[in-house]
Amino acid sequence: MIWTIISAIIVGAIIGALARLVMPGRQNIGIIMTVILGIVGGLIGSWITQAVGYQNHSGFAWIPFIVGVIVAAVLIAIYMSITGKRRDRV
């Protein structure tokens, strides 16, 4: 149980960081919110890919991971628009 939580945090951090990298400009949000949105994006991405019938038979599940990054990027954009934090243009 504890390893599941730890791995969800680690994968969530990776997904959140990648989501921030693919978004243009600079996002003015903290690391904790990045991890939380990455975890939620990963869960929603896994749910979406399972709902459309994707099954991973061996190895790393790349499709749910990529969908999770896309969902996390959308969640970060929504979070920034709701909180009113604007992107700094670089």
PDB file of N, CA and C in Angstrom:
ATOM      1  N   MET A   1       0.819  -1.199   0.000  1.00  0.00           N
ATOM      2  CA  MET A   1       0.000   0.000   0.000  1.00  0.00           C
ATOM      3  C   MET A   1       0.862   1.262   0.000  1.00  0.00           C
ATOM      4  N   ILE A   2       1.869   1.302   0.861  1.00  0.00           N
ATOM      5  CA  ILE A   2       2.716   2.486   0.943  1.00  0.00           C
ATOM      6  C   ILE A   2       3.517   2.680  -0.343  1.00  0.00           C
ATOM      7  N   TRP A   3       3.939   1.567  -0.983  1.00  0.00           N
ATOM      8  CA  TRP A   3       4.691   1.672  -2.232  1.00  0.00           C
ATOM      9  C   TRP A   3       3.809   2.163  -3.364  1.00  0.00           C
ATOM     10  N   THR A   4       2.523   1.858  -3.307  1.00  0.00           N
ATOM     11  CA  THR A   4       1.592   2.363  -4.312  1.00  0.00           C
ATOM     12  C   THR A   4       1.482   3.874  -4.212  1.00  0.00           C
ATOM     13  N   ILE A   5       1.400   4.385  -3.006  1.00  0.00           N
ATOM     14  CA  ILE A   5       1.302   5.826  -2.798  1.00  0.00           C
ATOM     15  C   ILE A   5       2.593   6.516  -3.223  1.00  0.00           C
ATOM     16  N   ILE A   6       3.726   5.945  -2.835  1.00  0.00           N
ATOM     17  CA  ILE A   6       5.015   6.530  -3.204  1.00  0.00           C
ATOM     18  C   ILE A   6       5.200   6.536  -4.713  1.00  0.00           C
ATOM     19  N   SER A   7       4.849   5.438  -5.366  1.00  0.00           N
ATOM     20  CA  SER A   7       4.998   5.386  -6.824  1.00  0.00           C
ATOM     21  C   SER A   7       4.032   6.340  -7.517  1.00  0.00           C
ATOM     22  N   ALA A   8       2.820   6.524  -6.965  1.00  0.00           N
ATOM     23  CA  ALA A   8       1.874   7.480  -7.551  1.00  0.00           C
ATOM     24  C   ALA A   8       2.423   8.900  -7.448  1.00  0.00           C
ATOM     25  N   ILE A   9       3.075   9.220  -6.337  1.00  0.00           N
ATOM     26  CA  ILE A   9       3.665  10.549  -6.176  1.00  0.00           C
ATOM     27  C   ILE A   9       4.822  10.748  -7.156  1.00  0.00           C
ATOM     28  N   ILE A  10       5.663   9.743  -7.299  1.00  0.00           N
ATOM     29  CA  ILE A  10       6.815   9.855  -8.206  1.00  0.00           C
ATOM     30  C   ILE A  10       6.358   9.981  -9.657  1.00  0.00           C
ATOM     31  N   VAL A  11       5.447   9.109 -10.075  1.00  0.00           N
ATOM     32  CA  VAL A  11       4.949   9.167 -11.454  1.00  0.00           C
ATOM     33  C   VAL A  11       4.166  10.458 -11.675  1.00  0.00           C
ATOM     34  N   GLY A  12       3.397  10.893 -10.664  1.00  0.00           N
ATOM     35  CA  GLY A  12       2.673  12.157 -10.764  1.00  0.00           C
ATOM     36  C   GLY A  12       3.607  13.344 -10.940  1.00  0.00           C
ATOM     37  N   ALA A  13       4.736  13.313 -10.232  1.00  0.00           N
ATOM     38  CA  ALA A  13       5.726  14.388 -10.378  1.00  0.00           C
ATOM     39  C   ALA A  13       6.312  14.396 -11.785  1.00  0.00           C
ATOM     40  N   ILE A  14       6.592  13.219 -12.313  1.00  0.00           N
ATOM     41  CA  ILE A  14       7.140  13.127 -13.667  1.00  0.00           C
ATOM     42  C   ILE A  14       6.116  13.603 -14.691  1.00  0.00           C
ATOM     43  N   ILE A  15       4.877  13.148 -14.558  1.00  0.00           N
ATOM     44  CA  ILE A  15       3.820  13.548 -15.495  1.00  0.00           C
ATOM     45  C   ILE A  15       3.579  15.052 -15.405  1.00  0.00           C
ATOM     46  N   GLY A  16       3.506  15.587 -14.185  1.00  0.00           N
ATOM     47  CA  GLY A  16       3.291  17.023 -14.011  1.00  0.00           C
ATOM     48  C   GLY A  16       4.425  17.843 -14.592  1.00  0.00           C
ATOM     49  N   ALA A  17       5.667  17.396 -14.369  1.00  0.00           N
ATOM     50  CA  ALA A  17       6.824  18.120 -14.904  1.00  0.00           C
ATOM     51  C   ALA A  17       6.826  18.095 -16.435  1.00  0.00           C
ATOM     52  N   LEU A  18       6.528  16.936 -17.009  1.00  0.00           N
ATOM     53  CA  LEU A  18       6.471  16.854 -18.472  1.00  0.00           C
ATOM     54  C   LEU A  18       5.334  17.697 -19.036  1.00  0.00           C
ATOM     55  N   ALA A  19       4.208  17.733 -18.327  1.00  0.00           N
ATOM     56  CA  ALA A  19       3.080  18.550 -18.781  1.00  0.00           C
ATOM     57  C   ALA A  19       3.459  20.025 -18.789  1.00  0.00           C
ATOM     58  N   ARG A  20       4.202  20.457 -17.765  1.00  0.00           N
ATOM     59  CA  ARG A  20       4.641  21.849 -17.741  1.00  0.00           C
ATOM     60  C   ARG A  20       5.655  22.131 -18.836  1.00  0.00           C
ATOM     61  N   LEU A  21       6.472  21.142 -19.187  1.00  0.00           N
ATOM     62  CA  LEU A  21       7.464  21.332 -20.249  1.00  0.00           C
ATOM     63  C   LEU A  21       6.827  21.479 -21.625  1.00  0.00           C
ATOM     64  N   VAL A  22       5.731  20.754 -21.877  1.00  0.00           N
ATOM     65  CA  VAL A  22       5.115  20.818 -23.200  1.00  0.00           C
ATOM     66  C   VAL A  22       4.242  22.057 -23.372  1.00  0.00           C
ATOM     67  N   MET A  23       3.920  22.725 -22.267  1.00  0.00           N
ATOM     68  CA  MET A  23       3.101  23.937 -22.370  1.00  0.00           C
ATOM     69  C   MET A  23       3.986  25.128 -22.713  1.00  0.00           C
ATOM     70  N   PRO A  24       3.496  26.023 -23.575  1.00  0.00           N
ATOM     71  CA  PRO A  24       4.307  27.197 -23.916  1.00  0.00           C
ATOM     72  C   PRO A  24       4.357  28.192 -22.753  1.00  0.00           C
ATOM     73  N   GLY A  25       5.444  28.927 -22.671  1.00  0.00           N
ATOM     74  CA  GLY A  25       5.573  29.937 -21.632  1.00  0.00           C
ATOM     75  C   GLY A  25       5.941  29.334 -20.290  1.00  0.00           C
ATOM     76  N   ARG A  26       5.885  30.178 -19.280  1.00  0.00           N
ATOM     77  CA  ARG A  26       6.243  29.755 -17.932  1.00  0.00           C
ATOM     78  C   ARG A  26       4.979  29.691 -17.081  1.00  0.00           C
ATOM     79  N   GLN A  27       4.804  28.601 -16.353  1.00  0.00           N
ATOM     80  CA  GLN A  27       3.642  28.450 -15.490  1.00  0.00           C
ATOM     81  C   GLN A  27       4.032  28.842 -14.072  1.00  0.00           C
ATOM     82  N   ASN A  28       3.230  29.682 -13.476  1.00  0.00           N
ATOM     83  CA  ASN A  28       3.529  30.212 -12.157  1.00  0.00           C
ATOM     84  C   ASN A  28       2.784  29.396 -11.090  1.00  0.00           C
ATOM     85  N   ILE A  29       3.122  28.088 -10.974  1.00  0.00           N
ATOM     86  CA  ILE A  29       2.516  27.242  -9.952  1.00  0.00           C
ATOM     87  C   ILE A  29       3.627  26.494  -9.232  1.00  0.00           C
ATOM     88  N   GLY A  30       3.325  26.062  -8.024  1.00  0.00           N
ATOM     89  CA  GLY A  30       4.317  25.392  -7.191  1.00  0.00           C
ATOM     90  C   GLY A  30       4.488  23.923  -7.519  1.00  0.00           C
ATOM     91  N   ILE A  31       5.503  23.334  -6.899  1.00  0.00           N
ATOM     92  CA  ILE A  31       5.813  21.927  -7.151  1.00  0.00           C
ATOM     93  C   ILE A  31       4.731  21.002  -6.594  1.00  0.00           C
ATOM     94  N   ILE A  32       4.157  21.357  -5.453  1.00  0.00           N
ATOM     95  CA  ILE A  32       3.113  20.509  -4.862  1.00  0.00           C
ATOM     96  C   ILE A  32       1.903  20.440  -5.790  1.00  0.00           C
ATOM     97  N   MET A  33       1.485  21.585  -6.313  1.00  0.00           N
ATOM     98  CA  MET A  33       0.342  21.592  -7.233  1.00  0.00           C
ATOM     99  C   MET A  33       0.688  20.887  -8.531  1.00  0.00           C
ATOM    100  N   THR A  34       1.933  20.983  -8.971  1.00  0.00           N
ATOM    101  CA  THR A  34       2.372  20.257 -10.164  1.00  0.00           C
ATOM    102  C   THR A  34       2.242  18.752  -9.946  1.00  0.00           C
ATOM    103  N   VAL A  35       2.671  18.273  -8.780  1.00  0.00           N
ATOM    104  CA  VAL A  35       2.574  16.842  -8.472  1.00  0.00           C
ATOM    105  C   VAL A  35       1.115  16.410  -8.366  1.00  0.00           C
ATOM    106  N   ILE A  36       0.293  17.209  -7.692  1.00  0.00           N
ATOM    107  CA  ILE A  36      -1.128  16.857  -7.540  1.00  0.00           C
ATOM    108  C   ILE A  36      -1.809  16.785  -8.902  1.00  0.00           C
ATOM    109  N   LEU A  37      -1.578  17.786  -9.745  1.00  0.00           N
ATOM    110  CA  LEU A  37      -2.194  17.778 -11.075  1.00  0.00           C
ATOM    111  C   LEU A  37      -1.619  16.664 -11.944  1.00  0.00           C
ATOM    112  N   GLY A  38      -0.350  16.315 -11.732  1.00  0.00           N
ATOM    113  CA  GLY A  38       0.247  15.189 -12.449  1.00  0.00           C
ATOM    114  C   GLY A  38      -0.381  13.864 -12.040  1.00  0.00           C
ATOM    115  N   ILE A  39      -0.625  13.692 -10.738  1.00  0.00           N
ATOM    116  CA  ILE A  39      -1.284  12.464 -10.256  1.00  0.00           C
ATOM    117  C   ILE A  39      -2.692  12.366 -10.819  1.00  0.00           C
ATOM    118  N   VAL A  40      -3.436  13.466 -10.743  1.00  0.00           N
ATOM    119  CA  VAL A  40      -4.810  13.458 -11.272  1.00  0.00           C
ATOM    120  C   VAL A  40      -4.796  13.222 -12.778  1.00  0.00           C
ATOM    121  N   GLY A  41      -3.873  13.855 -13.485  1.00  0.00           N
ATOM    122  CA  GLY A  41      -3.757  13.649 -14.930  1.00  0.00           C
ATOM    123  C   GLY A  41      -3.431  12.205 -15.266  1.00  0.00           C
ATOM    124  N   GLY A  42      -2.534  11.601 -14.490  1.00  0.00           N
ATOM    125  CA  GLY A  42      -2.201  10.190 -14.709  1.00  0.00           C
ATOM    126  C   GLY A  42      -3.385   9.264 -14.468  1.00  0.00           C
ATOM    127  N   LEU A  43      -4.139   9.547 -13.404  1.00  0.00           N
ATOM    128  CA  LEU A  43      -5.319   8.718 -13.118  1.00  0.00           C
ATOM    129  C   LEU A  43      -6.378   8.856 -14.207  1.00  0.00           C
ATOM    130  N   ILE A  44      -6.639  10.085 -14.618  1.00  0.00           N
ATOM    131  CA  ILE A  44      -7.628  10.303 -15.681  1.00  0.00           C
ATOM    132  C   ILE A  44      -7.135   9.716 -17.003  1.00  0.00           C
ATOM    133  N   GLY A  45      -5.846   9.868 -17.300  1.00  0.00           N
ATOM    134  CA  GLY A  45      -5.289   9.287 -18.525  1.00  0.00           C
ATOM    135  C   GLY A  45      -5.407   7.777 -18.543  1.00  0.00           C
ATOM    136  N   SER A  46      -5.138   7.142 -17.408  1.00  0.00           N
ATOM    137  CA  SER A  46      -5.291   5.683 -17.322  1.00  0.00           C
ATOM    138  C   SER A  46      -6.746   5.277 -17.483  1.00  0.00           C
ATOM    139  N   TRP A  47      -7.636   6.048 -16.883  1.00  0.00           N
ATOM    140  CA  TRP A  47      -9.062   5.733 -16.988  1.00  0.00           C
ATOM    141  C   TRP A  47      -9.545   5.876 -18.426  1.00  0.00           C
ATOM    142  N   ILE A  48      -9.120   6.941 -19.106  1.00  0.00           N
ATOM    143  CA  ILE A  48      -9.535   7.163 -20.498  1.00  0.00           C
ATOM    144  C   ILE A  48      -9.045   6.024 -21.387  1.00  0.00           C
ATOM    145  N   THR A  49      -7.773   5.655 -21.248  1.00  0.00           N
ATOM    146  CA  THR A  49      -7.243   4.606 -22.115  1.00  0.00           C
ATOM    147  C   THR A  49      -7.888   3.252 -21.818  1.00  0.00           C
ATOM    148  N   GLN A  50      -8.215   3.010 -20.565  1.00  0.00           N
ATOM    149  CA  GLN A  50      -8.914   1.764 -20.232  1.00  0.00           C
ATOM    150  C   GLN A  50     -10.340   1.788 -20.778  1.00  0.00           C
ATOM    151  N   ALA A  51     -10.989   2.960 -20.744  1.00  0.00           N
ATOM    152  CA  ALA A  51     -12.363   3.072 -21.232  1.00  0.00           C
ATOM    153  C   ALA A  51     -12.461   2.838 -22.734  1.00  0.00           C
ATOM    154  N   VAL A  52     -11.406   3.186 -23.486  1.00  0.00           N
ATOM    155  CA  VAL A  52     -11.444   2.965 -24.932  1.00  0.00           C
ATOM    156  C   VAL A  52     -10.922   1.585 -25.318  1.00  0.00           C
ATOM    157  N   GLY A  53     -10.547   0.783 -24.323  1.00  0.00           N
ATOM    158  CA  GLY A  53     -10.186  -0.594 -24.588  1.00  0.00           C
ATOM    159  C   GLY A  53      -8.706  -0.895 -24.686  1.00  0.00           C
ATOM    160  N   TYR A  54      -7.841   0.027 -24.301  1.00  0.00           N
ATOM    161  CA  TYR A  54      -6.397  -0.217 -24.356  1.00  0.00           C
ATOM    162  C   TYR A  54      -6.003  -1.221 -23.288  1.00  0.00           C
ATOM    163  N   GLN A  55      -5.189  -2.190 -23.682  1.00  0.00           N
ATOM    164  CA  GLN A  55      -4.651  -3.174 -22.742  1.00  0.00           C
ATOM    165  C   GLN A  55      -3.161  -3.305 -22.984  1.00  0.00           C
ATOM    166  N   ASN A  56      -2.391  -3.129 -21.930  1.00  0.00           N
ATOM    167  CA  ASN A  56      -0.942  -3.274 -22.023  1.00  0.00           C
ATOM    168  C   ASN A  56      -0.600  -4.720 -21.690  1.00  0.00           C
ATOM    169  N   HIS A  57       0.065  -5.399 -22.597  1.00  0.00           N
ATOM    170  CA  HIS A  57       0.361  -6.812 -22.378  1.00  0.00           C
ATOM    171  C   HIS A  57       1.746  -7.035 -21.785  1.00  0.00           C
ATOM    172  N   SER A  58       2.642  -6.096 -21.963  1.00  0.00           N
ATOM    173  CA  SER A  58       3.966  -6.241 -21.365  1.00  0.00           C
ATOM    174  C   SER A  58       4.700  -4.916 -21.409  1.00  0.00           C
ATOM    175  N   GLY A  59       5.616  -4.737 -20.490  1.00  0.00           N
ATOM    176  CA  GLY A  59       6.438  -3.538 -20.485  1.00  0.00           C
ATOM    177  C   GLY A  59       5.723  -2.327 -19.930  1.00  0.00           C
ATOM    178  N   PHE A  60       6.310  -1.164 -20.190  1.00  0.00           N
ATOM    179  CA  PHE A  60       5.778   0.100 -19.700  1.00  0.00           C
ATOM    180  C   PHE A  60       4.586   0.522 -20.533  1.00  0.00           C
ATOM    181  N   ALA A  61       3.550   1.024 -19.896  1.00  0.00           N
ATOM    182  CA  ALA A  61       2.335   1.460 -20.585  1.00  0.00           C
ATOM    183  C   ALA A  61       2.526   2.894 -21.092  1.00  0.00           C
ATOM    184  N   TRP A  62       3.041   3.027 -22.309  1.00  0.00           N
ATOM    185  CA  TRP A  62       3.342   4.342 -22.861  1.00  0.00           C
ATOM    186  C   TRP A  62       2.098   5.147 -23.200  1.00  0.00           C
ATOM    187  N   ILE A  63       1.091   4.495 -23.738  1.00  0.00           N
ATOM    188  CA  ILE A  63      -0.112   5.221 -24.174  1.00  0.00           C
ATOM    189  C   ILE A  63      -0.803   5.899 -22.989  1.00  0.00           C
ATOM    190  N   PRO A  64      -1.088   5.196 -21.878  1.00  0.00           N
ATOM    191  CA  PRO A  64      -1.685   5.894 -20.736  1.00  0.00           C
ATOM    192  C   PRO A  64      -0.789   6.999 -20.176  1.00  0.00           C
ATOM    193  N   PHE A  65       0.521   6.800 -20.230  1.00  0.00           N
ATOM    194  CA  PHE A  65       1.458   7.807 -19.747  1.00  0.00           C
ATOM    195  C   PHE A  65       1.367   9.079 -20.582  1.00  0.00           C
ATOM    196  N   ILE A  66       1.362   8.942 -21.904  1.00  0.00           N
ATOM    197  CA  ILE A  66       1.284  10.093 -22.798  1.00  0.00           C
ATOM    198  C   ILE A  66      -0.062  10.798 -22.658  1.00  0.00           C
ATOM    199  N   VAL A  67      -1.136  10.017 -22.574  1.00  0.00           N
ATOM    200  CA  VAL A  67      -2.461  10.617 -22.371  1.00  0.00           C
ATOM    201  C   VAL A  67      -2.497  11.333 -21.019  1.00  0.00           C
ATOM    202  N   GLY A  68      -1.854  10.764 -20.004  1.00  0.00           N
ATOM    203  CA  GLY A  68      -1.787  11.412 -18.696  1.00  0.00           C
ATOM    204  C   GLY A  68      -1.069  12.754 -18.743  1.00  0.00           C
ATOM    205  N   VAL A  69       0.004  12.836 -19.526  1.00  0.00           N
ATOM    206  CA  VAL A  69       0.725  14.101 -19.677  1.00  0.00           C
ATOM    207  C   VAL A  69      -0.165  15.141 -20.360  1.00  0.00           C
ATOM    208  N   ILE A  70      -0.889  14.724 -21.378  1.00  0.00           N
ATOM    209  CA  ILE A  70      -1.791  15.642 -22.083  1.00  0.00           C
ATOM    210  C   ILE A  70      -2.896  16.129 -21.153  1.00  0.00           C
ATOM    211  N   VAL A  71      -3.490  15.197 -20.396  1.00  0.00           N
ATOM    212  CA  VAL A  71      -4.552  15.566 -19.457  1.00  0.00           C
ATOM    213  C   VAL A  71      -4.001  16.496 -18.378  1.00  0.00           C
ATOM    214  N   ALA A  72      -2.803  16.210 -17.875  1.00  0.00           N
ATOM    215  CA  ALA A  72      -2.203  17.074 -16.856  1.00  0.00           C
ATOM    216  C   ALA A  72      -1.942  18.474 -17.405  1.00  0.00           C
ATOM    217  N   ALA A  73      -1.527  18.589 -18.660  1.00  0.00           N
ATOM    218  CA  ALA A  73      -1.313  19.906 -19.268  1.00  0.00           C
ATOM    219  C   ALA A  73      -2.622  20.684 -19.330  1.00  0.00           C
ATOM    220  N   VAL A  74      -3.701  19.993 -19.682  1.00  0.00           N
ATOM    221  CA  VAL A  74      -5.016  20.638 -19.713  1.00  0.00           C
ATOM    222  C   VAL A  74      -5.423  21.060 -18.298  1.00  0.00           C
ATOM    223  N   LEU A  75      -5.173  20.199 -17.314  1.00  0.00           N
ATOM    224  CA  LEU A  75      -5.508  20.539 -15.928  1.00  0.00           C
ATOM    225  C   LEU A  75      -4.697  21.728 -15.426  1.00  0.00           C
ATOM    226  N   ILE A  76      -3.439  21.811 -15.811  1.00  0.00           N
ATOM    227  CA  ILE A  76      -2.609  22.953 -15.420  1.00  0.00           C
ATOM    228  C   ILE A  76      -3.162  24.235 -16.044  1.00  0.00           C
ATOM    229  N   ALA A  77      -3.557  24.168 -17.305  1.00  0.00           N
ATOM    230  CA  ALA A  77      -4.140  25.342 -17.965  1.00  0.00           C
ATOM    231  C   ALA A  77      -5.439  25.765 -17.275  1.00  0.00           C
ATOM    232  N   ILE A  78      -6.260  24.791 -16.910  1.00  0.00           N
ATOM    233  CA  ILE A  78      -7.510  25.094 -16.200  1.00  0.00           C
ATOM    234  C   ILE A  78      -7.211  25.694 -14.832  1.00  0.00           C
ATOM    235  N   TYR A  79      -6.263  25.112 -14.127  1.00  0.00           N
ATOM    236  CA  TYR A  79      -5.887  25.622 -12.805  1.00  0.00           C
ATOM    237  C   TYR A  79      -5.395  27.066 -12.888  1.00  0.00           C
ATOM    238  N   MET A  80      -4.565  27.351 -13.877  1.00  0.00           N
ATOM    239  CA  MET A  80      -4.043  28.707 -14.021  1.00  0.00           C
ATOM    240  C   MET A  80      -5.150  29.696 -14.377  1.00  0.00           C
ATOM    241  N   SER A  81      -6.123  29.270 -15.174  1.00  0.00           N
ATOM    242  CA  SER A  81      -7.207  30.178 -15.532  1.00  0.00           C
ATOM    243  C   SER A  81      -8.160  30.401 -14.357  1.00  0.00           C
ATOM    244  N   ILE A  82      -8.359  29.379 -13.521  1.00  0.00           N
ATOM    245  CA  ILE A  82      -9.245  29.521 -12.365  1.00  0.00           C
ATOM    246  C   ILE A  82      -8.603  30.385 -11.285  1.00  0.00           C
ATOM    247  N   THR A  83      -7.328  30.159 -11.015  1.00  0.00           N
ATOM    248  CA  THR A  83      -6.657  30.908  -9.952  1.00  0.00           C
ATOM    249  C   THR A  83      -6.223  32.292 -10.388  1.00  0.00           C
ATOM    250  N   GLY A  84      -6.248  32.559 -11.676  1.00  0.00           N
ATOM    251  CA  GLY A  84      -5.874  33.879 -12.168  1.00  0.00           C
ATOM    252  C   GLY A  84      -4.378  34.080 -12.273  1.00  0.00           C
ATOM    253  N   LYS A  85      -3.610  33.004 -12.116  1.00  0.00           N
ATOM    254  CA  LYS A  85      -2.161  33.129 -12.260  1.00  0.00           C
ATOM    255  C   LYS A  85      -1.840  33.155 -13.740  1.00  0.00           C
ATOM    256  N   ARG A  86      -1.181  34.194 -14.158  1.00  0.00           N
ATOM    257  CA  ARG A  86      -0.864  34.346 -15.568  1.00  0.00           C
ATOM    258  C   ARG A  86       0.494  33.783 -15.874  1.00  0.00           C
ATOM    259  N   ARG A  87       0.656  33.369 -17.123  1.00  0.00           N
ATOM    260  CA  ARG A  87       1.956  32.901 -17.590  1.00  0.00           C
ATOM    261  C   ARG A  87       2.854  34.084 -17.870  1.00  0.00           C
ATOM    262  N   ASP A  88       4.110  33.938 -17.512  1.00  0.00           N
ATOM    263  CA  ASP A  88       5.107  34.930 -17.880  1.00  0.00           C
ATOM    264  C   ASP A  88       5.649  34.531 -19.242  1.00  0.00           C
ATOM    265  N   ARG A  89       5.650  35.450 -20.149  1.00  0.00           N
ATOM    266  CA  ARG A  89       6.187  35.135 -21.483  1.00  0.00           C
ATOM    267  C   ARG A  89       7.689  35.235 -21.432  1.00  0.00           C
ATOM    268  N   VAL A  90       8.331  34.198 -21.931  1.00  0.00           N
ATOM    269  CA  VAL A  90       9.791  34.152 -21.909  1.00  0.00           C
ATOM    270  C   VAL A  90      10.330  34.531 -23.257  1.00  0.00           C
TER     271      VAL A  90
END
